[in-house]
Amino acid sequence: MDLGELERDNTGRCRLNSPVPAVCRKEPCVLGVDEAGRGPVLGPMVYAICYCPMSRLADLEALKVADSKTLSESERDRLFAKMEEDGDFVGWALDVLSPNLISTSMLGRVKYNLNSLSHDTAAGLVQYALDQGVNVAQVFVDTVGMPETYQERLQQRFPGIEVTVKAKADALYPVVSAASICAKVARDQAVKNWQFVEKLQDLDTDYGSGYPNDPKTKAWLRKNVEPVFGFPQFVRFSWRTAQSILEKEAEGVTWEDLPTGDQEGQGRITSYFNEKPGNRPHLPHRYFQERGLESATTL
C-alpha cells in the first residue's frame, strides 16, 4: 500500500483507492465500511470501504477474511495482498484522518465531535464509490453510536441503496471484515512510517499500543511533551489523556492582550478551547491599549 501522499503531508487528510474493477461498474455490488484507530491518542484514524459484485461475494468469503482485530499483522498483510491480487472483482478506498485534523475539529469554536466526523467520513466514502461509478446496491456498516440512528441517517442520504448498520459488523459480514483489514493495514503502516514534522532528535518510537490506558503510551506522552509547544502532531491533543498531561507538565500561559489586573491567574493552553466565545472579553489589541487609543463614536 503506497502511503506516500500521507508521508509527504500528514497534517490533514488524504484519500487512497484501488482501481475500480470493470465488473463493479456493471453488476450490483455490496460495500462494507469500517475504521481503524478511532480510540488511540496517537496516530491517524483510517476509514475504509471494500466492495465487490454480489455475484462474487462467495469468492470474497473464500479468502477467509475476518475482523482485523482477531488477526495478526502478518495475516492482515497477507489478506490485503490477496485482495490486491483479486483486483478484477474487489475494490477499496481509504480516508486517512490525521491526529491534527481530529484534534482541531473537536476543539474548534464550532465543535465537530468524533461521532459526527466518523459518520461524515463513512458517508463520504460511500459517495466516493458512487462517484467512481461503482454500482452500489447494498451497504453494511460497523456502527458508531446508536445503530438505528446511524442507519436512518445513511438511508436518508442514499435512498436507492439498502443500508444495514450493526454493532460488530466486522465480525458478521465478510465485506465489512475486508474493509476492516484495509483500514488496519493502512493505519499500521502510517504509524510505523510516521514522519515527525517537528524533527525531534533521539525520538523513541516505542510508544506502545497508542491507547490512552496503555502505561507505555502514557510514559511516551510525558516524555515527549514540550512545556511551551505541547505535543508533536502525532498526538491527538483533544484526548483527555493528553490534556491531563498538558495541564500537569506544560507551562502556564499569560495572554498578552489581557490587562494584568483583570487576570484571574494564569491559564493553560487547553482552557482557551474550553471557554465559550461569549465568556472571553473582547478587548482591543495591545497596540491601541499602550497608546491610549479608543474608538471614536462622535466627531
Protein backbone atom coordinates (compact mmCIF):
# COMPACT_ATOMS: atom_id res chain seq x y z
CA MET A 1 0.00 0.00 0.00
CA ASP A 2 1.51 3.30 -1.10
CA LEU A 3 1.03 5.95 1.61
CA GLY A 4 3.48 8.38 0.02
CA GLU A 5 0.91 11.18 -0.09
CA LEU A 6 0.33 10.89 3.66
CA GLU A 7 4.06 10.71 4.37
CA ARG A 8 4.60 13.94 2.42
CA ASP A 9 1.89 15.78 4.34
CA ASN A 10 0.37 14.17 7.43
CA THR A 11 -1.26 17.30 8.85
CA GLY A 12 -4.66 16.96 7.18
CA ARG A 13 -6.33 14.04 5.44
CA CYS A 14 -5.71 12.00 2.35
CA ARG A 15 -7.75 9.56 0.29
CA LEU A 16 -6.34 6.46 -1.36
CA ASN A 17 -8.07 3.95 -3.58
CA SER A 18 -7.62 0.93 -5.80
CA PRO A 19 -8.68 0.96 -9.45
CA VAL A 20 -12.39 0.23 -9.84
CA PRO A 21 -12.87 -3.26 -11.31
CA ALA A 22 -14.86 -3.14 -14.56
CA VAL A 23 -17.33 -5.69 -13.25
CA CYS A 24 -18.14 -3.40 -10.28
CA ARG A 25 -19.44 -0.77 -12.70
CA LYS A 26 -21.77 -3.26 -14.38
CA GLU A 27 -23.08 -5.58 -11.70
CA PRO A 28 -24.83 -4.69 -8.42
CA CYS A 29 -22.25 -4.54 -5.63
CA VAL A 30 -22.13 -4.97 -1.88
CA LEU A 31 -19.98 -2.46 0.03
CA GLY A 32 -18.63 -2.62 3.59
CA VAL A 33 -17.46 0.24 5.82
CA ASP A 34 -15.18 0.07 8.86
CA GLU A 35 -12.44 2.02 10.61
CA ALA A 36 -9.20 1.52 12.48
CA GLY A 37 -7.67 3.80 15.11
CA ARG A 38 -10.76 5.50 16.50
CA GLY A 39 -9.74 5.15 20.15
CA PRO A 40 -5.95 5.73 20.30
CA VAL A 41 -4.44 9.00 21.49
CA LEU A 42 -1.64 8.56 18.92
CA GLY A 43 -1.73 8.42 15.14
CA PRO A 44 -4.41 8.77 12.48
CA MET A 45 -7.88 7.31 12.22
CA VAL A 46 -8.44 5.41 8.98
CA TYR A 47 -11.84 4.76 7.40
CA ALA A 48 -12.10 2.17 4.66
CA ILE A 49 -14.61 0.76 2.22
CA CYS A 50 -14.32 -2.52 0.37
CA TYR A 51 -16.72 -3.64 -2.35
CA CYS A 52 -17.33 -6.46 -4.79
CA PRO A 53 -20.18 -7.70 -7.01
CA MET A 54 -22.92 -9.55 -5.13
CA SER A 55 -22.35 -12.43 -7.53
CA ARG A 56 -18.72 -12.75 -6.31
CA LEU A 57 -19.37 -12.44 -2.57
CA ALA A 58 -18.67 -16.15 -2.12
CA ASP A 59 -15.23 -15.60 -3.67
CA LEU A 60 -14.53 -12.86 -1.13
CA GLU A 61 -15.65 -15.15 1.69
CA ALA A 62 -13.31 -17.83 0.34
CA LEU A 63 -10.36 -15.57 1.18
CA LYS A 64 -11.20 -16.20 4.87
CA VAL A 65 -11.37 -12.51 5.71
CA ALA A 66 -12.19 -11.80 9.36
CA ASP A 67 -12.41 -8.94 11.84
CA SER A 68 -8.93 -7.36 11.67
CA LYS A 69 -8.70 -7.28 15.48
CA THR A 70 -8.68 -11.10 15.53
CA LEU A 71 -5.82 -11.34 13.02
CA SER A 72 -2.09 -10.92 13.43
CA GLU A 73 -0.30 -8.20 11.49
CA SER A 74 1.20 -10.77 9.10
CA GLU A 75 -2.23 -12.31 8.49
CA ARG A 76 -3.72 -8.90 7.73
CA ASP A 77 -0.91 -8.09 5.33
CA ARG A 78 -1.34 -11.44 3.59
CA LEU A 79 -5.09 -10.99 3.18
CA PHE A 80 -4.72 -7.44 1.90
CA ALA A 81 -2.16 -8.63 -0.65
CA LYS A 82 -4.62 -11.34 -1.71
CA MET A 83 -7.37 -8.76 -2.19
CA GLU A 84 -4.98 -6.74 -4.32
CA GLU A 85 -4.34 -9.84 -6.43
CA ASP A 86 -8.10 -10.23 -6.86
CA GLY A 87 -8.42 -6.67 -8.13
CA ASP A 88 -10.52 -7.89 -11.04
CA PHE A 89 -13.54 -8.07 -8.71
CA VAL A 90 -12.52 -6.44 -5.37
CA GLY A 91 -12.04 -2.68 -4.87
CA TRP A 92 -11.29 -0.49 -1.88
CA ALA A 93 -10.84 3.13 -0.83
CA LEU A 94 -9.46 4.82 2.30
CA ASP A 95 -9.79 8.14 4.05
CA VAL A 96 -6.88 8.79 6.43
CA LEU A 97 -7.62 11.47 9.05
CA SER A 98 -4.55 12.89 10.77
CA PRO A 99 -4.35 13.44 14.55
CA ASN A 100 -4.05 17.16 13.82
CA LEU A 101 -7.29 17.21 11.84
CA ILE A 102 -9.14 15.21 14.51
CA SER A 103 -7.97 17.50 17.33
CA THR A 104 -8.64 20.78 15.56
CA SER A 105 -12.10 19.53 14.55
CA MET A 106 -13.01 18.55 18.11
CA LEU A 107 -11.58 21.69 19.74
CA GLY A 108 -12.68 24.30 17.22
CA ARG A 109 -15.12 27.06 18.15
CA VAL A 110 -17.78 25.12 16.30
CA LYS A 111 -17.41 21.68 17.87
CA TYR A 112 -17.22 18.72 15.47
CA ASN A 113 -17.27 15.63 17.64
CA LEU A 114 -15.70 12.31 16.77
CA ASN A 115 -19.02 10.59 16.08
CA SER A 116 -20.07 13.24 13.57
CA LEU A 117 -16.63 13.19 11.96
CA SER A 118 -16.84 9.39 11.70
CA HIS A 119 -20.36 9.42 10.24
CA ASP A 120 -19.49 12.05 7.65
CA THR A 121 -16.29 10.27 6.66
CA ALA A 122 -18.11 6.97 6.16
CA ALA A 123 -20.86 8.64 4.11
CA GLY A 124 -18.22 10.47 2.10
CA LEU A 125 -16.54 7.20 1.15
CA VAL A 126 -19.84 5.64 0.03
CA GLN A 127 -20.46 8.73 -2.10
CA TYR A 128 -16.92 8.48 -3.45
CA ALA A 129 -17.58 4.92 -4.62
CA LEU A 130 -20.76 6.05 -6.34
CA ASP A 131 -18.93 8.96 -7.99
CA GLN A 132 -16.33 6.49 -9.28
CA GLY A 133 -19.09 4.54 -10.99
CA VAL A 134 -19.40 1.61 -8.58
CA ASN A 135 -22.89 0.10 -8.84
CA VAL A 136 -23.58 0.01 -5.10
CA ALA A 137 -26.75 -1.90 -4.18
CA GLN A 138 -26.11 -2.79 -0.52
CA VAL A 139 -24.03 -1.14 2.21
CA PHE A 140 -23.02 -2.73 5.52
CA VAL A 141 -21.51 -0.52 8.22
CA ASP A 142 -19.89 -1.20 11.59
CA THR A 143 -21.75 1.20 13.84
CA VAL A 144 -20.51 4.27 15.67
CA GLY A 145 -23.05 5.28 18.29
CA MET A 146 -26.65 4.06 18.07
CA PRO A 147 -27.01 1.80 15.01
CA GLU A 148 -30.67 2.69 14.43
CA THR A 149 -29.98 6.43 14.25
CA TYR A 150 -26.88 5.95 12.13
CA GLN A 151 -28.71 3.63 9.71
CA GLU A 152 -31.60 6.06 9.34
CA ARG A 153 -29.20 8.89 8.59
CA LEU A 154 -27.38 6.90 5.91
CA GLN A 155 -30.61 5.57 4.43
CA GLN A 156 -31.91 9.12 4.02
CA ARG A 157 -28.73 10.17 2.24
CA PHE A 158 -28.69 7.10 -0.03
CA PRO A 159 -32.38 6.25 -0.57
CA GLY A 160 -31.73 3.97 -3.54
CA ILE A 161 -29.35 1.71 -1.57
CA GLU A 162 -30.17 -0.91 1.07
CA VAL A 163 -28.25 0.15 4.20
CA THR A 164 -27.55 -2.05 7.23
CA VAL A 165 -25.74 -0.71 10.31
CA LYS A 166 -24.84 -3.19 13.01
CA ALA A 167 -22.59 -3.44 16.04
CA LYS A 168 -19.71 -5.86 15.39
CA ALA A 169 -20.50 -5.78 11.66
CA ASP A 170 -16.82 -6.54 11.01
CA ALA A 171 -17.42 -9.99 12.51
CA LEU A 172 -20.79 -10.52 10.81
CA TYR A 173 -20.30 -9.51 7.19
CA PRO A 174 -17.24 -10.53 5.14
CA VAL A 175 -17.27 -7.31 3.12
CA VAL A 176 -17.00 -5.30 6.36
CA SER A 177 -14.24 -7.64 7.56
CA ALA A 178 -12.39 -6.87 4.32
CA ALA A 179 -12.82 -3.13 4.91
CA SER A 180 -11.52 -3.51 8.48
CA ILE A 181 -8.39 -5.25 7.14
CA CYS A 182 -7.78 -2.45 4.64
CA ALA A 183 -8.17 0.18 7.37
CA LYS A 184 -5.93 -1.63 9.86
CA VAL A 185 -3.16 -2.34 7.34
CA ALA A 186 -3.15 1.35 6.35
CA ARG A 187 -3.09 2.60 9.96
CA ASP A 188 -0.32 0.21 10.99
CA GLN A 189 1.79 1.35 8.05
CA ALA A 190 1.05 5.03 8.72
CA VAL A 191 2.07 4.72 12.38
CA LYS A 192 5.19 2.72 11.59
CA ASN A 193 6.39 5.21 8.94
CA TRP A 194 5.14 8.42 10.59
CA GLN A 195 7.13 11.48 9.54
CA PHE A 196 7.52 13.81 12.54
CA VAL A 197 7.38 17.37 11.18
CA GLU A 198 8.94 18.56 14.45
CA LYS A 199 12.32 16.98 13.54
CA LEU A 200 12.71 15.53 17.03
CA GLN A 201 16.13 14.22 17.99
CA ASP A 202 16.68 10.81 19.60
CA LEU A 203 12.98 10.08 19.29
CA ASP A 204 11.84 6.90 20.99
CA THR A 205 9.25 5.28 18.71
CA ASP A 206 8.33 2.58 21.23
CA TYR A 207 5.02 4.18 22.20
CA GLY A 208 3.08 1.03 22.96
CA SER A 209 -0.40 0.44 21.56
CA GLY A 210 -1.24 4.14 21.38
CA TYR A 211 -4.34 3.67 23.51
CA PRO A 212 -4.89 6.10 26.43
CA ASN A 213 -4.85 3.39 29.11
CA ASP A 214 -1.53 1.88 27.98
CA PRO A 215 1.19 2.73 30.58
CA LYS A 216 3.85 2.72 27.86
CA THR A 217 1.83 5.21 25.79
CA LYS A 218 1.34 7.46 28.82
CA ALA A 219 5.07 7.35 29.59
CA TRP A 220 5.86 8.28 25.98
CA LEU A 221 3.46 11.23 26.17
CA ARG A 222 5.03 12.54 29.38
CA LYS A 223 8.50 12.17 27.90
CA ASN A 224 7.64 14.00 24.68
CA VAL A 225 5.58 16.92 25.94
CA GLU A 226 7.26 20.25 25.22
CA PRO A 227 6.49 22.76 28.02
CA VAL A 228 5.57 25.59 25.62
CA PHE A 229 4.51 23.98 22.35
CA GLY A 230 2.89 20.83 23.72
CA PHE A 231 2.96 17.56 21.81
CA PRO A 232 4.14 16.53 18.35
CA GLN A 233 1.33 16.42 15.78
CA PHE A 234 1.38 12.64 16.09
CA VAL A 235 -0.66 13.15 19.29
CA ARG A 236 -4.40 13.85 19.42
CA PHE A 237 -4.26 16.69 21.90
CA SER A 238 -8.06 16.72 22.15
CA TRP A 239 -7.93 13.41 24.08
CA ARG A 240 -8.39 13.74 27.84
CA THR A 241 -5.19 11.77 28.50
CA ALA A 242 -3.14 14.30 26.51
CA GLN A 243 -4.92 17.27 28.09
CA SER A 244 -4.25 15.97 31.61
CA ILE A 245 -0.53 15.66 30.88
CA LEU A 246 -0.50 19.16 29.36
CA GLU A 247 -2.14 20.58 32.46
CA LYS A 248 0.49 18.98 34.71
CA GLU A 249 3.63 19.31 32.58
CA ALA A 250 3.15 22.35 30.32
CA GLU A 251 3.87 25.94 31.30
CA GLY A 252 1.13 28.35 32.27
CA VAL A 253 0.06 30.83 29.60
CA THR A 254 -0.44 34.57 30.00
CA TRP A 255 -2.47 36.02 27.15
CA GLU A 256 -0.77 39.30 26.22
CA ASP A 257 -3.97 41.10 25.25
CA LEU A 258 -5.37 40.76 28.76
CA PRO A 259 -4.50 43.58 31.25
CA THR A 260 -2.73 42.15 34.29
CA GLY A 261 -5.28 43.50 36.72
CA ASP A 262 -8.18 41.69 35.07
CA GLN A 263 -6.49 38.31 35.00
CA GLU A 264 -7.66 35.69 37.47
CA GLY A 265 -4.41 33.72 37.41
CA GLN A 266 -2.54 32.02 34.65
CA GLY A 267 -4.45 29.68 32.36
CA ARG A 268 -3.49 26.59 30.47
CA ILE A 269 -3.39 26.30 26.72
CA THR A 270 -6.38 23.96 26.72
CA SER A 271 -8.52 26.39 28.72
CA TYR A 272 -8.76 28.64 25.68
CA PHE A 273 -10.65 25.96 23.78
CA ASN A 274 -12.95 25.06 26.66
CA GLU A 275 -14.26 28.59 27.19
CA LYS A 276 -17.33 29.76 25.35
CA PRO A 277 -16.59 32.66 22.99
CA GLY A 278 -19.00 34.88 24.93
CA ASN A 279 -17.03 34.40 28.14
CA ARG A 280 -13.83 35.89 26.73
CA PRO A 281 -13.62 39.71 26.92
CA HIS A 282 -13.34 41.42 23.55
CA LEU A 283 -10.54 43.85 24.38
CA PRO A 284 -8.67 45.97 21.87
CA HIS A 285 -5.25 44.90 20.69
CA ARG A 286 -2.41 45.97 23.00
CA TYR A 287 -1.17 48.36 20.27
CA PHE A 288 -4.24 50.51 20.96
CA GLN A 289 -4.13 49.97 24.74
CA GLU A 290 -0.48 51.04 25.09
CA ARG A 291 -1.13 54.24 23.12
CA GLY A 292 -4.36 55.10 24.89
CA LEU A 293 -6.30 54.93 21.62
CA GLU A 294 -10.05 54.42 21.67
CA SER A 295 -12.70 54.09 19.00
CA ALA A 296 -14.23 57.43 18.10
CA THR A 297 -18.02 57.40 18.50
CA THR A 298 -18.59 61.10 17.71
CA LEU A 299 -16.73 63.67 15.67
